Every structure is written in structure tokens, then in C-alpha cells.
């Protein structure tokens, strides 16, 4: 539940933050990192990383 609040994940979006996936991202791939903003009563403040595209081959099993 803390991950939902810290990441400001509105449950209506369908992201329940119940799964962790490890990735090995190749060098040179652009990503965006920052702090989650508060919204709709969720406090935010957690770290977030956005990748415009995720290749399924990056997933570490």
C-alpha cells in the first residue's frame, strides 16, 4: 500500500503496484527519473523512473 501512496498511483488506472520486475537496461537508453507528484489525495514523494519503451529482452528472470 505504501508504494501506491508514495507513487500516487490512482487505482482507477489499473496499476496496483503488486509486482516487481527487474530489468537490465542497455547503456545509452534514455530514461527519466524524478519524484512522484501528489494527486487525488495521494501524497506522492516516492522515486519514479519512466522508460518510453521497454524491450521484453531486458527482463531478468
N, C-alpha and C. Protein backbone atom coordinates (compact mmCIF):
# COMPACT_ATOMS: atom_id res chain seq x y z
N UNK A 1 0.81 -1.19 0.00
CA UNK A 1 0.00 0.00 0.00
C UNK A 1 0.86 1.26 0.00
N UNK A 2 2.01 1.21 0.68
CA UNK A 2 2.88 2.39 0.71
C UNK A 2 3.36 2.76 -0.69
N UNK A 3 3.62 1.76 -1.53
CA UNK A 3 4.08 2.06 -2.89
C UNK A 3 2.99 2.76 -3.69
N UNK A 4 1.74 2.44 -3.46
CA UNK A 4 0.62 3.10 -4.15
C UNK A 4 0.53 4.56 -3.71
N UNK A 5 0.68 4.81 -2.43
CA UNK A 5 0.58 6.18 -1.89
C UNK A 5 1.80 7.01 -2.32
N UNK A 6 3.01 6.46 -2.13
CA UNK A 6 4.23 7.19 -2.46
C UNK A 6 4.36 7.47 -3.96
N UNK A 7 3.82 6.59 -4.78
CA UNK A 7 3.90 6.77 -6.23
C UNK A 7 2.68 7.47 -6.80
N UNK A 8 1.72 7.82 -5.95
CA UNK A 8 0.47 8.47 -6.37
C UNK A 8 -0.22 7.68 -7.48
N UNK A 9 -0.36 6.37 -7.27
CA UNK A 9 -0.99 5.51 -8.27
C UNK A 9 -2.49 5.43 -8.03
N UNK A 10 -3.23 6.12 -8.84
CA UNK A 10 -4.69 6.09 -8.77
C UNK A 10 -5.16 4.69 -9.15
N UNK A 11 -5.90 4.03 -8.29
CA UNK A 11 -6.36 2.67 -8.54
C UNK A 11 -7.23 2.55 -9.79
N UNK A 12 -7.83 3.64 -10.22
CA UNK A 12 -8.64 3.62 -11.44
C UNK A 12 -7.79 3.42 -12.70
N UNK A 13 -6.48 3.60 -12.59
CA UNK A 13 -5.59 3.40 -13.73
C UNK A 13 -5.27 1.92 -13.94
N UNK A 14 -5.58 1.09 -12.96
CA UNK A 14 -5.31 -0.34 -13.08
C UNK A 14 -3.93 -0.77 -12.59
N UNK A 15 -3.09 0.14 -12.17
CA UNK A 15 -1.77 -0.20 -11.65
C UNK A 15 -1.87 -0.32 -10.14
N UNK A 16 -1.81 -1.54 -9.64
CA UNK A 16 -1.96 -1.78 -8.20
C UNK A 16 -0.62 -1.96 -7.48
N UNK A 17 0.48 -1.83 -8.20
CA UNK A 17 1.83 -1.92 -7.62
C UNK A 17 2.02 -3.20 -6.80
N UNK A 18 1.61 -4.33 -7.35
CA UNK A 18 1.72 -5.60 -6.65
C UNK A 18 2.82 -6.49 -7.22
N UNK A 19 3.58 -5.99 -8.17
CA UNK A 19 4.58 -6.81 -8.85
C UNK A 19 5.87 -6.00 -9.03
N UNK A 20 6.99 -6.66 -8.83
CA UNK A 20 8.29 -6.06 -9.07
C UNK A 20 8.94 -6.80 -10.22
N UNK A 21 9.45 -6.06 -11.19
CA UNK A 21 10.14 -6.65 -12.33
C UNK A 21 11.54 -6.04 -12.40
N UNK A 22 12.55 -6.90 -12.48
CA UNK A 22 13.93 -6.42 -12.61
C UNK A 22 14.29 -6.36 -14.09
N UNK A 23 14.95 -5.26 -14.46
CA UNK A 23 15.38 -5.07 -15.85
C UNK A 23 16.88 -4.83 -15.91
N UNK A 24 17.49 -5.28 -16.98
CA UNK A 24 18.87 -4.89 -17.29
C UNK A 24 18.76 -4.00 -18.52
N UNK A 25 18.89 -2.70 -18.28
CA UNK A 25 18.70 -1.70 -19.33
C UNK A 25 20.05 -1.44 -20.00
N UNK A 26 20.11 -1.61 -21.33
CA UNK A 26 21.37 -1.39 -22.03
C UNK A 26 21.87 0.05 -21.88
N UNK A 27 23.17 0.19 -21.88
CA UNK A 27 23.80 1.51 -21.81
C UNK A 27 23.33 2.35 -23.00
N UNK A 28 23.07 3.62 -22.72
CA UNK A 28 22.67 4.54 -23.77
C UNK A 28 21.16 4.71 -23.93
N UNK A 29 20.36 3.89 -23.22
CA UNK A 29 18.90 4.02 -23.29
C UNK A 29 18.48 5.22 -22.46
N UNK A 30 17.65 6.07 -23.02
CA UNK A 30 17.18 7.27 -22.31
C UNK A 30 16.05 6.89 -21.36
N UNK A 31 16.17 7.34 -20.12
CA UNK A 31 15.10 7.17 -19.14
C UNK A 31 14.95 8.47 -18.37
N UNK A 32 13.83 8.59 -17.70
CA UNK A 32 13.53 9.80 -16.94
C UNK A 32 13.31 9.40 -15.49
N UNK A 33 13.96 10.11 -14.57
CA UNK A 33 13.87 9.80 -13.15
C UNK A 33 13.45 11.05 -12.39
N UNK A 34 12.57 10.87 -11.40
CA UNK A 34 12.14 12.01 -10.62
C UNK A 34 11.28 11.59 -9.45
N UNK A 35 10.68 12.56 -8.82
CA UNK A 35 9.83 12.35 -7.65
C UNK A 35 8.37 12.37 -8.09
N UNK A 36 7.59 11.40 -7.61
CA UNK A 36 6.16 11.35 -7.93
C UNK A 36 5.44 12.52 -7.26
N UNK A 37 4.67 13.23 -8.04
CA UNK A 37 3.91 14.38 -7.51
C UNK A 37 2.64 13.90 -6.81
N UNK A 38 2.15 14.65 -5.83
CA UNK A 38 0.88 14.29 -5.19
C UNK A 38 -0.29 14.51 -6.16
N UNK A 39 -1.31 13.68 -6.02
CA UNK A 39 -2.53 13.86 -6.82
C UNK A 39 -3.67 13.05 -6.22
N UNK A 40 -4.86 13.55 -6.34
CA UNK A 40 -6.10 12.89 -5.89
C UNK A 40 -6.00 12.33 -4.48
N UNK A 41 -5.43 13.08 -3.56
CA UNK A 41 -5.36 12.66 -2.17
C UNK A 41 -4.20 11.74 -1.85
N UNK A 42 -3.41 11.34 -2.83
CA UNK A 42 -2.23 10.51 -2.60
C UNK A 42 -1.02 11.44 -2.47
N UNK A 43 -0.19 11.20 -1.45
CA UNK A 43 0.85 12.16 -1.10
C UNK A 43 2.03 12.21 -2.07
N UNK A 44 2.32 11.13 -2.77
CA UNK A 44 3.47 11.12 -3.67
C UNK A 44 4.77 11.18 -2.89
N UNK A 45 5.83 11.67 -3.53
CA UNK A 45 7.13 11.80 -2.89
C UNK A 45 8.06 10.63 -3.14
N UNK A 46 7.55 9.54 -3.70
CA UNK A 46 8.39 8.38 -3.98
C UNK A 46 9.19 8.57 -5.27
N UNK A 47 10.24 7.79 -5.40
CA UNK A 47 11.05 7.83 -6.63
C UNK A 47 10.30 7.14 -7.75
N UNK A 48 10.46 7.66 -8.97
CA UNK A 48 9.86 7.01 -10.12
C UNK A 48 10.82 7.10 -11.30
N UNK A 49 10.76 6.07 -12.13
CA UNK A 49 11.55 6.03 -13.36
C UNK A 49 10.59 5.72 -14.49
N UNK A 50 10.74 6.48 -15.58
CA UNK A 50 9.90 6.27 -16.76
C UNK A 50 10.79 5.89 -17.94
N UNK A 51 10.44 4.79 -18.57
CA UNK A 51 11.09 4.36 -19.80
C UNK A 51 10.05 4.42 -20.91
N UNK A 52 10.28 5.21 -21.96
CA UNK A 52 9.29 5.31 -23.03
C UNK A 52 8.97 3.96 -23.68
N UNK A 53 9.96 3.08 -23.74
CA UNK A 53 9.75 1.76 -24.34
C UNK A 53 10.55 0.74 -23.55
N UNK A 54 9.95 -0.41 -23.27
CA UNK A 54 10.66 -1.48 -22.56
C UNK A 54 10.70 -2.70 -23.46
N UNK A 55 11.90 -3.16 -23.75
CA UNK A 55 12.09 -4.35 -24.56
C UNK A 55 11.95 -5.57 -23.65
N UNK A 56 11.16 -6.55 -24.05
CA UNK A 56 10.94 -7.73 -23.20
C UNK A 56 12.24 -8.49 -22.93
N UNK A 57 13.25 -8.30 -23.77
CA UNK A 57 14.54 -8.96 -23.56
C UNK A 57 15.33 -8.35 -22.41
N UNK A 58 14.92 -7.21 -21.90
CA UNK A 58 15.59 -6.58 -20.77
C UNK A 58 15.17 -7.21 -19.44
N UNK A 59 14.08 -7.96 -19.43
CA UNK A 59 13.55 -8.55 -18.19
C UNK A 59 14.49 -9.63 -17.69
N UNK A 60 14.87 -9.53 -16.42
CA UNK A 60 15.71 -10.53 -15.77
C UNK A 60 14.79 -11.48 -15.03
N UNK A 61 14.90 -12.76 -15.33
CA UNK A 61 14.01 -13.74 -14.70
C UNK A 61 14.63 -14.36 -13.48
